[in-house]
PDB file of all heavy atoms in Angstrom:
ATOM      1  N   HIS A   1       5.980-106.182 -16.664  1.00  0.00           N
ATOM      2  CA  HIS A   1       5.792-106.989 -17.855  1.00  0.00           C
ATOM      3  C   HIS A   1       7.041-106.794 -18.746  1.00  0.00           C
ATOM      4  O   HIS A   1       7.284-105.779 -19.359  1.00  0.00           O
ATOM      5  CB  HIS A   1       4.532-106.568 -18.643  1.00  0.00           C
ATOM      6  CG  HIS A   1       3.265-106.813 -17.854  1.00  0.00           C
ATOM      7  ND1 HIS A   1       2.761-108.080 -17.664  1.00  0.00           N
ATOM      8  CD2 HIS A   1       2.439-105.942 -17.239  1.00  0.00           C
ATOM      9  CE1 HIS A   1       1.662-107.984 -16.944  1.00  0.00           C
ATOM     10  NE2 HIS A   1       1.456-106.684 -16.697  1.00  0.00           N
ATOM     11  N   GLY A   2       7.965-107.829 -18.703  1.00  0.00           N
ATOM     12  CA  GLY A   2       9.196-107.739 -19.502  1.00  0.00           C
ATOM     13  C   GLY A   2       9.113-108.501 -20.777  1.00  0.00           C
ATOM     14  O   GLY A   2       8.105-109.029 -21.168  1.00  0.00           O
ATOM     15  N   ARG A   3      10.283-108.546 -21.402  1.00  0.00           N
ATOM     16  CA  ARG A   3      10.378-109.274 -22.696  1.00  0.00           C
ATOM     17  C   ARG A   3      10.189-110.749 -22.515  1.00  0.00           C
ATOM     18  O   ARG A   3       9.620-111.422 -23.353  1.00  0.00           O
ATOM     19  CB  ARG A   3      11.734-108.913 -23.347  1.00  0.00           C
ATOM     20  CG  ARG A   3      11.911-109.528 -24.742  1.00  0.00           C
ATOM     21  CD  ARG A   3      13.268-109.105 -25.325  1.00  0.00           C
ATOM     22  NE  ARG A   3      14.362-109.445 -24.448  1.00  0.00           N
ATOM     23  CZ  ARG A   3      14.929-110.675 -24.419  1.00  0.00           C
ATOM     24  NH1 ARG A   3      14.497-111.615 -25.198  1.00  0.00           N
ATOM     25  NH2 ARG A   3      15.937-110.869 -23.601  1.00  0.00           N
ATOM     26  N   VAL A   4      10.725-111.265 -21.424  1.00  0.00           N
ATOM     27  CA  VAL A   4      10.731-112.695 -21.198  1.00  0.00           C
ATOM     28  C   VAL A   4       9.649-113.127 -20.167  1.00  0.00           C
ATOM     29  O   VAL A   4       8.985-114.093 -20.304  1.00  0.00           O
ATOM     30  CB  VAL A   4      12.105-113.169 -20.804  1.00  0.00           C
ATOM     31  CG1 VAL A   4      12.090-114.666 -20.518  1.00  0.00           C
ATOM     32  CG2 VAL A   4      13.134-112.871 -21.925  1.00  0.00           C
ATOM     33  N   ALA A   5       9.591-112.354 -19.078  1.00  0.00           N
ATOM     34  CA  ALA A   5       8.725-112.767 -17.924  1.00  0.00           C
ATOM     35  C   ALA A   5       7.922-111.586 -17.416  1.00  0.00           C
ATOM     36  O   ALA A   5       8.269-110.454 -17.618  1.00  0.00           O
ATOM     37  CB  ALA A   5       9.589-113.306 -16.812  1.00  0.00           C
ATOM     38  N   SER A   6       6.782-111.924 -16.797  1.00  0.00           N
ATOM     39  CA  SER A   6       5.941-110.960 -16.103  1.00  0.00           C
ATOM     40  C   SER A   6       6.020-111.279 -14.621  1.00  0.00           C
ATOM     41  O   SER A   6       5.929-112.407 -14.197  1.00  0.00           O
ATOM     42  CB  SER A   6       4.484-111.032 -16.564  1.00  0.00           C
ATOM     43  OG  SER A   6       4.398-110.654 -17.965  1.00  0.00           O
ATOM     44  N   VAL A   7       6.190-110.208 -13.853  1.00  0.00           N
ATOM     45  CA  VAL A   7       6.365-110.372 -12.380  1.00  0.00           C
ATOM     46  C   VAL A   7       5.407-109.490 -11.645  1.00  0.00           C
ATOM     47  O   VAL A   7       5.290-108.311 -11.938  1.00  0.00           O
ATOM     48  CB  VAL A   7       7.824-110.066 -11.967  1.00  0.00           C
ATOM     49  CG1 VAL A   7       7.985-110.338 -10.427  1.00  0.00           C
ATOM     50  CG2 VAL A   7       8.812-110.823 -12.753  1.00  0.00           C
ATOM     51  N   GLU A   8       4.661-110.075 -10.694  1.00  0.00           N
ATOM     52  CA  GLU A   8       3.822-109.271  -9.766  1.00  0.00           C
ATOM     53  C   GLU A   8       4.376-109.484  -8.372  1.00  0.00           C
ATOM     54  O   GLU A   8       4.603-110.577  -7.910  1.00  0.00           O
ATOM     55  CB  GLU A   8       2.340-109.811  -9.840  1.00  0.00           C
ATOM     56  CG  GLU A   8       1.661-109.576 -11.128  1.00  0.00           C
ATOM     57  CD  GLU A   8       0.199-109.977 -11.169  1.00  0.00           C
ATOM     58  OE1 GLU A   8      -0.196-110.555 -10.108  1.00  0.00           O
ATOM     59  OE2 GLU A   8      -0.453-109.814 -12.164  1.00  0.00           O
ATOM     60  N   TYR A   9       4.507-108.379  -7.666  1.00  0.00           N
ATOM     61  CA  TYR A   9       5.137-108.428  -6.335  1.00  0.00           C
ATOM     62  C   TYR A   9       4.642-107.249  -5.502  1.00  0.00           C
ATOM     63  O   TYR A   9       4.044-106.315  -5.995  1.00  0.00           O
ATOM     64  CB  TYR A   9       6.662-108.420  -6.443  1.00  0.00           C
ATOM     65  CG  TYR A   9       7.231-107.252  -7.125  1.00  0.00           C
ATOM     66  CD1 TYR A   9       7.759-106.156  -6.398  1.00  0.00           C
ATOM     67  CD2 TYR A   9       7.270-107.151  -8.536  1.00  0.00           C
ATOM     68  CE1 TYR A   9       8.303-105.074  -6.992  1.00  0.00           C
ATOM     69  CE2 TYR A   9       7.786-106.069  -9.191  1.00  0.00           C
ATOM     70  CZ  TYR A   9       8.336-105.022  -8.443  1.00  0.00           C
ATOM     71  OH  TYR A   9       8.842-103.929  -9.012  1.00  0.00           O
ATOM     72  N   LYS A  10       4.880-107.340  -4.232  1.00  0.00           N
ATOM     73  CA  LYS A  10       4.530-106.277  -3.292  1.00  0.00           C
ATOM     74  C   LYS A  10       5.747-105.863  -2.476  1.00  0.00           C
ATOM     75  O   LYS A  10       6.609-106.707  -2.165  1.00  0.00           O
ATOM     76  CB  LYS A  10       3.417-106.710  -2.300  1.00  0.00           C
ATOM     77  CG  LYS A  10       2.153-107.054  -2.986  1.00  0.00           C
ATOM     78  CD  LYS A  10       1.076-107.480  -1.866  1.00  0.00           C
ATOM     79  CE  LYS A  10      -0.225-107.796  -2.576  1.00  0.00           C
ATOM     80  NZ  LYS A  10      -1.232-108.277  -1.526  1.00  0.00           N
ATOM     81  N   VAL A  11       5.809-104.565  -2.112  1.00  0.00           N
ATOM     82  CA  VAL A  11       6.886-104.073  -1.266  1.00  0.00           C
ATOM     83  C   VAL A  11       6.286-103.393  -0.064  1.00  0.00           C
ATOM     84  O   VAL A  11       5.170-102.815  -0.110  1.00  0.00           O
ATOM     85  CB  VAL A  11       7.806-103.112  -2.076  1.00  0.00           C
ATOM     86  CG1 VAL A  11       8.485-103.833  -3.178  1.00  0.00           C
ATOM     87  CG2 VAL A  11       7.007-101.940  -2.591  1.00  0.00           C
ATOM     88  N   ARG A  12       7.012-103.407   1.031  1.00  0.00           N
ATOM     89  CA  ARG A  12       6.563-102.763   2.276  1.00  0.00           C
ATOM     90  C   ARG A  12       7.794-102.268   3.046  1.00  0.00           C
ATOM     91  O   ARG A  12       8.828-102.934   3.070  1.00  0.00           O
ATOM     92  CB  ARG A  12       5.792-103.736   3.147  1.00  0.00           C
ATOM     93  CG  ARG A  12       5.263-103.074   4.460  1.00  0.00           C
ATOM     94  CD  ARG A  12       4.413-104.060   5.235  1.00  0.00           C
ATOM     95  NE  ARG A  12       5.191-105.159   5.810  1.00  0.00           N
ATOM     96  CZ  ARG A  12       4.701-106.017   6.669  1.00  0.00           C
ATOM     97  NH1 ARG A  12       3.453-105.916   7.095  1.00  0.00           N
ATOM     98  NH2 ARG A  12       5.455-107.013   7.071  1.00  0.00           N
ATOM     99  N   VAL A  13       7.641-101.097   3.705  1.00  0.00           N
ATOM    100  CA  VAL A  13       8.661-100.544   4.559  1.00  0.00           C
ATOM    101  C   VAL A  13       8.178-100.652   6.025  1.00  0.00           C
ATOM    102  O   VAL A  13       7.039-100.260   6.282  1.00  0.00           O
ATOM    103  CB  VAL A  13       8.995 -99.080   4.200  1.00  0.00           C
ATOM    104  CG1 VAL A  13       9.965 -98.441   5.194  1.00  0.00           C
ATOM    105  CG2 VAL A  13       9.498 -98.970   2.818  1.00  0.00           C
ATOM    106  N   HIS A  14       8.922-101.213   6.942  1.00  0.00           N
ATOM    107  CA  HIS A  14       8.519-101.255   8.340  1.00  0.00           C
ATOM    108  C   HIS A  14       9.656-100.713   9.197  1.00  0.00           C
ATOM    109  O   HIS A  14      10.857-100.842   8.843  1.00  0.00           O
ATOM    110  CB  HIS A  14       8.118-102.639   8.755  1.00  0.00           C
ATOM    111  CG  HIS A  14       9.195-103.701   8.665  1.00  0.00           C
ATOM    112  ND1 HIS A  14      10.120-103.891   9.618  1.00  0.00           N
ATOM    113  CD2 HIS A  14       9.518-104.563   7.647  1.00  0.00           C
ATOM    114  CE1 HIS A  14      10.953-104.849   9.297  1.00  0.00           C
ATOM    115  NE2 HIS A  14      10.590-105.254   8.068  1.00  0.00           N
ATOM    116  N   CYS A  15       9.262-100.158  10.361  1.00  0.00           N
ATOM    117  CA  CYS A  15      10.260 -99.524  11.248  1.00  0.00           C
ATOM    118  C   CYS A  15      11.047-100.603  11.937  1.00  0.00           C
ATOM    119  O   CYS A  15      10.586-101.730  12.232  1.00  0.00           O
ATOM    120  CB  CYS A  15       9.589 -98.666  12.284  1.00  0.00           C
ATOM    121  SG  CYS A  15       8.632 -97.249  11.610  1.00  0.00           S
ATOM    122  N   GLY A  16      12.225-100.224  12.341  1.00  0.00           N
ATOM    123  CA  GLY A  16      13.097-101.116  13.113  1.00  0.00           C
ATOM    124  C   GLY A  16      12.578-101.252  14.509  1.00  0.00           C
ATOM    125  O   GLY A  16      11.648-100.583  14.949  1.00  0.00           O
ATOM    126  N   GLU A  17      13.101-102.177  15.310  1.00  0.00           N
ATOM    127  CA  GLU A  17      12.627-102.456  16.662  1.00  0.00           C
ATOM    128  C   GLU A  17      12.711-101.232  17.525  1.00  0.00           C
ATOM    129  O   GLU A  17      13.715-100.491  17.493  1.00  0.00           O
ATOM    130  CB  GLU A  17      13.479-103.584  17.266  1.00  0.00           C
ATOM    131  CG  GLU A  17      12.975-104.090  18.628  1.00  0.00           C
ATOM    132  CD  GLU A  17      13.785-105.192  19.195  1.00  0.00           C
ATOM    133  OE1 GLU A  17      14.844-105.524  18.585  1.00  0.00           O
ATOM    134  OE2 GLU A  17      13.433-105.703  20.279  1.00  0.00           O
ATOM    135  N   ASN A  18      11.585-100.977  18.305  1.00  0.00           N
ATOM    136  CA  ASN A  18      11.491 -99.890  19.256  1.00  0.00           C
ATOM    137  C   ASN A  18      11.356 -98.508  18.566  1.00  0.00           C
ATOM    138  O   ASN A  18      11.457 -97.455  19.212  1.00  0.00           O
ATOM    139  CB  ASN A  18      12.717 -99.799  20.200  1.00  0.00           C
ATOM    140  CG  ASN A  18      12.830-101.101  21.010  1.00  0.00           C
ATOM    141  OD1 ASN A  18      11.832-101.686  21.357  1.00  0.00           O
ATOM    142  ND2 ASN A  18      14.053-101.487  21.284  1.00  0.00           N
ATOM    143  N   TYR A  19      11.097 -98.469  17.235  1.00  0.00           N
ATOM    144  CA  TYR A  19      10.851 -97.213  16.492  1.00  0.00           C
ATOM    145  C   TYR A  19       9.440 -97.231  15.940  1.00  0.00           C
ATOM    146  O   TYR A  19       8.996 -98.240  15.413  1.00  0.00           O
ATOM    147  CB  TYR A  19      11.890 -97.013  15.407  1.00  0.00           C
ATOM    148  CG  TYR A  19      13.241 -96.624  15.975  1.00  0.00           C
ATOM    149  CD1 TYR A  19      14.210 -97.636  16.236  1.00  0.00           C
ATOM    150  CD2 TYR A  19      13.552 -95.304  16.233  1.00  0.00           C
ATOM    151  CE1 TYR A  19      15.458 -97.305  16.793  1.00  0.00           C
ATOM    152  CE2 TYR A  19      14.836 -94.986  16.784  1.00  0.00           C
ATOM    153  CZ  TYR A  19      15.748 -95.942  17.032  1.00  0.00           C
ATOM    154  OH  TYR A  19      16.972 -95.633  17.568  1.00  0.00           O
ATOM    155  N   PHE A  20       8.790 -96.091  15.992  1.00  0.00           N
ATOM    156  CA  PHE A  20       7.386 -95.956  15.594  1.00  0.00           C
ATOM    157  C   PHE A  20       7.167 -94.674  14.844  1.00  0.00           C
ATOM    158  O   PHE A  20       8.085 -93.831  14.731  1.00  0.00           O
ATOM    159  CB  PHE A  20       6.473 -96.043  16.834  1.00  0.00           C
ATOM    160  CG  PHE A  20       6.599 -97.263  17.663  1.00  0.00           C
ATOM    161  CD1 PHE A  20       7.578 -97.378  18.662  1.00  0.00           C
ATOM    162  CD2 PHE A  20       5.772 -98.365  17.408  1.00  0.00           C
ATOM    163  CE1 PHE A  20       7.711 -98.460  19.448  1.00  0.00           C
ATOM    164  CE2 PHE A  20       5.905 -99.499  18.219  1.00  0.00           C
ATOM    165  CZ  PHE A  20       6.897 -99.565  19.198  1.00  0.00           C
ATOM    166  N   GLY A  21       5.965 -94.498  14.312  1.00  0.00           N
ATOM    167  CA  GLY A  21       5.624 -93.274  13.636  1.00  0.00           C
ATOM    168  C   GLY A  21       5.730 -93.342  12.147  1.00  0.00           C
ATOM    169  O   GLY A  21       6.367 -94.278  11.589  1.00  0.00           O
ATOM    170  N   PRO A  22       5.221 -92.378  11.415  1.00  0.00           N
ATOM    171  CA  PRO A  22       5.252 -92.387   9.948  1.00  0.00           C
ATOM    172  C   PRO A  22       6.642 -92.200   9.392  1.00  0.00           C
ATOM    173  O   PRO A  22       6.942 -92.560   8.244  1.00  0.00           O
ATOM    174  CB  PRO A  22       4.330 -91.210   9.535  1.00  0.00           C
ATOM    175  CG  PRO A  22       4.316 -90.337  10.724  1.00  0.00           C
ATOM    176  CD  PRO A  22       4.382 -91.248  11.923  1.00  0.00           C
ATOM    177  N   PHE A  23       7.563 -91.664  10.209  1.00  0.00           N
ATOM    178  CA  PHE A  23       8.984 -91.502   9.727  1.00  0.00           C
ATOM    179  C   PHE A  23       9.931 -92.426  10.472  1.00  0.00           C
ATOM    180  O   PHE A  23      11.113 -92.257  10.340  1.00  0.00           O
ATOM    181  CB  PHE A  23       9.391 -90.030   9.945  1.00  0.00           C
ATOM    182  CG  PHE A  23       8.499 -89.060   9.169  1.00  0.00           C
ATOM    183  CD1 PHE A  23       7.549 -88.356   9.842  1.00  0.00           C
ATOM    184  CD2 PHE A  23       8.623 -88.920   7.825  1.00  0.00           C
ATOM    185  CE1 PHE A  23       6.710 -87.468   9.221  1.00  0.00           C
ATOM    186  CE2 PHE A  23       7.797 -88.002   7.165  1.00  0.00           C
ATOM    187  CZ  PHE A  23       6.851 -87.265   7.865  1.00  0.00           C
ATOM    188  N   CYS A  24       9.343 -93.365  11.310  1.00  0.00           N
ATOM    189  CA  CYS A  24      10.153 -94.262  12.110  1.00  0.00           C
ATOM    190  C   CYS A  24      11.166 -93.504  12.979  1.00  0.00           C
ATOM    191  O   CYS A  24      12.316 -93.979  13.197  1.00  0.00           O
ATOM    192  CB  CYS A  24      10.864 -95.279  11.231  1.00  0.00           C
ATOM    193  SG  CYS A  24       9.798 -96.341  10.306  1.00  0.00           S
ATOM    194  N   ASN A  25      10.786 -92.361  13.482  1.00  0.00           N
ATOM    195  CA  ASN A  25      11.707 -91.557  14.259  1.00  0.00           C
ATOM    196  C   ASN A  25      11.245 -91.395  15.694  1.00  0.00           C
ATOM    197  O   ASN A  25      11.794 -90.577  16.417  1.00  0.00           O
ATOM    198  CB  ASN A  25      11.847 -90.152  13.613  1.00  0.00           C
ATOM    199  CG  ASN A  25      10.545 -89.437  13.471  1.00  0.00           C
ATOM    200  OD1 ASN A  25       9.500 -90.022  13.705  1.00  0.00           O
ATOM    201  ND2 ASN A  25      10.616 -88.145  13.100  1.00  0.00           N
ATOM    202  N   LYS A  26      10.154 -92.121  16.148  1.00  0.00           N
ATOM    203  CA  LYS A  26       9.686 -92.059  17.484  1.00  0.00           C
ATOM    204  C   LYS A  26      10.127 -93.329  18.220  1.00  0.00           C
ATOM    205  O   LYS A  26       9.742 -94.419  17.878  1.00  0.00           O
ATOM    206  CB  LYS A  26       8.146 -91.955  17.508  1.00  0.00           C
ATOM    207  CG  LYS A  26       7.608 -91.686  18.900  1.00  0.00           C
ATOM    208  CD  LYS A  26       6.104 -91.441  18.874  1.00  0.00           C
ATOM    209  CE  LYS A  26       5.559 -91.145  20.223  1.00  0.00           C
ATOM    210  NZ  LYS A  26       4.094 -90.824  20.172  1.00  0.00           N
ATOM    211  N   PHE A  27      10.950 -93.103  19.299  1.00  0.00           N
ATOM    212  CA  PHE A  27      11.544 -94.212  19.987  1.00  0.00           C
ATOM    213  C   PHE A  27      10.742 -94.537  21.224  1.00  0.00           C
ATOM    214  O   PHE A  27      10.329 -93.653  21.985  1.00  0.00           O
ATOM    215  CB  PHE A  27      12.984 -93.834  20.431  1.00  0.00           C
ATOM    216  CG  PHE A  27      13.665 -94.963  21.185  1.00  0.00           C
ATOM    217  CD1 PHE A  27      14.172 -96.038  20.499  1.00  0.00           C
ATOM    218  CD2 PHE A  27      13.771 -94.891  22.568  1.00  0.00           C
ATOM    219  CE1 PHE A  27      14.783 -97.086  21.240  1.00  0.00           C
ATOM    220  CE2 PHE A  27      14.418 -95.884  23.275  1.00  0.00           C
ATOM    221  CZ  PHE A  27      14.928 -96.958  22.605  1.00  0.00           C
ATOM    222  N   CYS A  28      10.434 -95.824  21.424  1.00  0.00           N
ATOM    223  CA  CYS A  28       9.771 -96.310  22.657  1.00  0.00           C
ATOM    224  C   CYS A  28      10.175 -97.737  22.828  1.00  0.00           C
ATOM    225  O   CYS A  28      10.008 -98.590  21.981  1.00  0.00           O
ATOM    226  CB  CYS A  28       8.238 -96.213  22.441  1.00  0.00           C
ATOM    227  SG  CYS A  28       7.370 -96.783  23.955  1.00  0.00           S
ATOM    228  N   ARG A  29      10.677 -97.995  24.102  1.00  0.00           N
ATOM    229  CA  ARG A  29      11.104 -99.339  24.418  1.00  0.00           C
ATOM    230  C   ARG A  29      10.461 -99.791  25.751  1.00  0.00           C
ATOM    231  O   ARG A  29      10.538 -99.054  26.726  1.00  0.00           O
ATOM    232  CB  ARG A  29      12.602 -99.405  24.579  1.00  0.00           C
ATOM    233  CG  ARG A  29      13.096-100.870  24.838  1.00  0.00           C
ATOM    234  CD  ARG A  29      14.608-100.914  24.941  1.00  0.00           C
ATOM    235  NE  ARG A  29      15.136-100.133  26.057  1.00  0.00           N
ATOM    236  CZ  ARG A  29      16.412 -99.879  26.268  1.00  0.00           C
ATOM    237  NH1 ARG A  29      17.323-100.371  25.435  1.00  0.00           N
ATOM    238  NH2 ARG A  29      16.790 -99.162  27.310  1.00  0.00           N
ATOM    239  N   ALA A  30       9.780-100.923  25.769  1.00  0.00           N
ATOM    240  CA  ALA A  30       9.136-101.418  26.976  1.00  0.00           C
ATOM    241  C   ALA A  30      10.172-101.783  27.978  1.00  0.00           C
ATOM    242  O   ALA A  30      11.240-102.306  27.651  1.00  0.00           O
ATOM    243  CB  ALA A  30       8.276-102.648  26.607  1.00  0.00           C
ATOM    244  N   ARG A  31       9.857-101.443  29.286  1.00  0.00           N
ATOM    245  CA  ARG A  31      10.844-101.724  30.301  1.00  0.00           C
ATOM    246  C   ARG A  31      10.112-101.894  31.670  1.00  0.00           C
ATOM    247  O   ARG A  31       9.008-101.429  31.844  1.00  0.00           O
ATOM    248  CB  ARG A  31      11.887-100.647  30.428  1.00  0.00           C
ATOM    249  CG  ARG A  31      11.400 -99.269  30.764  1.00  0.00           C
ATOM    250  CD  ARG A  31      12.499 -98.226  30.552  1.00  0.00           C
ATOM    251  NE  ARG A  31      13.751 -98.629  31.094  1.00  0.00           N
ATOM    252  CZ  ARG A  31      14.939 -98.225  30.632  1.00  0.00           C
ATOM    253  NH1 ARG A  31      14.963 -97.322  29.655  1.00  0.00           N
ATOM    254  NH2 ARG A  31      16.063 -98.629  31.170  1.00  0.00           N
ATOM    255  N   ASP A  32      10.804-102.541  32.593  1.00  0.00           N
ATOM    256  CA  ASP A  32      10.246-102.771  33.919  1.00  0.00           C
ATOM    257  C   ASP A  32      11.462-102.738  34.868  1.00  0.00           C
ATOM    258  O   ASP A  32      11.934-103.796  35.373  1.00  0.00           O
ATOM    259  CB  ASP A  32       9.507-104.072  33.966  1.00  0.00           C
ATOM    260  CG  ASP A  32       8.819-104.321  35.319  1.00  0.00           C
ATOM    261  OD1 ASP A  32       8.679-103.328  36.116  1.00  0.00           O
ATOM    262  OD2 ASP A  32       8.417-105.461  35.601  1.00  0.00           O
ATOM    263  N   ASP A  33      11.967-101.548  35.132  1.00  0.00           N
ATOM    264  CA  ASP A  33      13.150-101.373  35.993  1.00  0.00           C
ATOM    265  C   ASP A  33      13.095-100.051  36.679  1.00  0.00           C
ATOM    266  O   ASP A  33      12.039 -99.409  36.732  1.00  0.00           O
ATOM    267  CB  ASP A  33      14.456-101.535  35.113  1.00  0.00           C
ATOM    268  CG  ASP A  33      14.438-100.602  33.931  1.00  0.00           C
ATOM    269  OD1 ASP A  33      13.703 -99.576  34.002  1.00  0.00           O
ATOM    270  OD2 ASP A  33      15.109-100.900  32.909  1.00  0.00           O
ATOM    271  N   PHE A  34      14.188 -99.573  37.224  1.00  0.00           N
ATOM    272  CA  PHE A  34      14.220 -98.365  37.953  1.00  0.00           C
ATOM    273  C   PHE A  34      13.830 -97.163  37.089  1.00  0.00           C
ATOM    274  O   PHE A  34      13.233 -96.213  37.636  1.00  0.00           O
ATOM    275  CB  PHE A  34      15.661 -98.138  38.512  1.00  0.00           C
ATOM    276  CG  PHE A  34      15.788 -96.823  39.170  1.00  0.00           C
ATOM    277  CD1 PHE A  34      15.403 -96.569  40.470  1.00  0.00           C
ATOM    278  CD2 PHE A  34      16.415 -95.775  38.526  1.00  0.00           C
ATOM    279  CE1 PHE A  34      15.525 -95.341  41.102  1.00  0.00           C
ATOM    280  CE2 PHE A  34      16.546 -94.527  39.117  1.00  0.00           C
ATOM    281  CZ  PHE A  34      16.136 -94.317  40.412  1.00  0.00           C
ATOM    282  N   PHE A  35      14.054 -97.220  35.801  1.00  0.00           N
ATOM    283  CA  PHE A  35      13.793 -96.078  34.978  1.00  0.00           C
ATOM    284  C   PHE A  35      12.352 -96.038  34.426  1.00  0.00           C
ATOM    285  O   PHE A  35      11.951 -95.092  33.759  1.00  0.00           O
ATOM    286  CB  PHE A  35      14.747 -96.098  33.747  1.00  0.00           C
ATOM    287  CG  PHE A  35      16.204 -95.957  34.194  1.00  0.00           C
ATOM    288  CD1 PHE A  35      16.983 -97.100  34.283  1.00  0.00           C
ATOM    289  CD2 PHE A  35      16.714 -94.748  34.508  1.00  0.00           C
ATOM    290  CE1 PHE A  35      18.329 -96.981  34.687  1.00  0.00           C
ATOM    291  CE2 PHE A  35      18.035 -94.616  34.940  1.00  0.00           C
ATOM    292  CZ  PHE A  35      18.839 -95.754  35.003  1.00  0.00           C
ATOM    293  N   GLY A  36      11.539 -97.023  34.668  1.00  0.00           N
ATOM    294  CA  GLY A  36      10.165 -97.012  34.263  1.00  0.00           C
ATOM    295  C   GLY A  36       9.524 -98.430  34.227  1.00  0.00           C
ATOM    296  O   GLY A  36      10.255 -99.400  34.195  1.00  0.00           O
TER     297      GLY A  36
END
């Protein structure tokens, strides 16, 4: 609530691609090749 305008908004943090866990430090990538 400011002097001129009131703003309601939401923020969210999400992990990057292939990273998981509460600290985004667990790596997992789907694959179908010689390695798995």
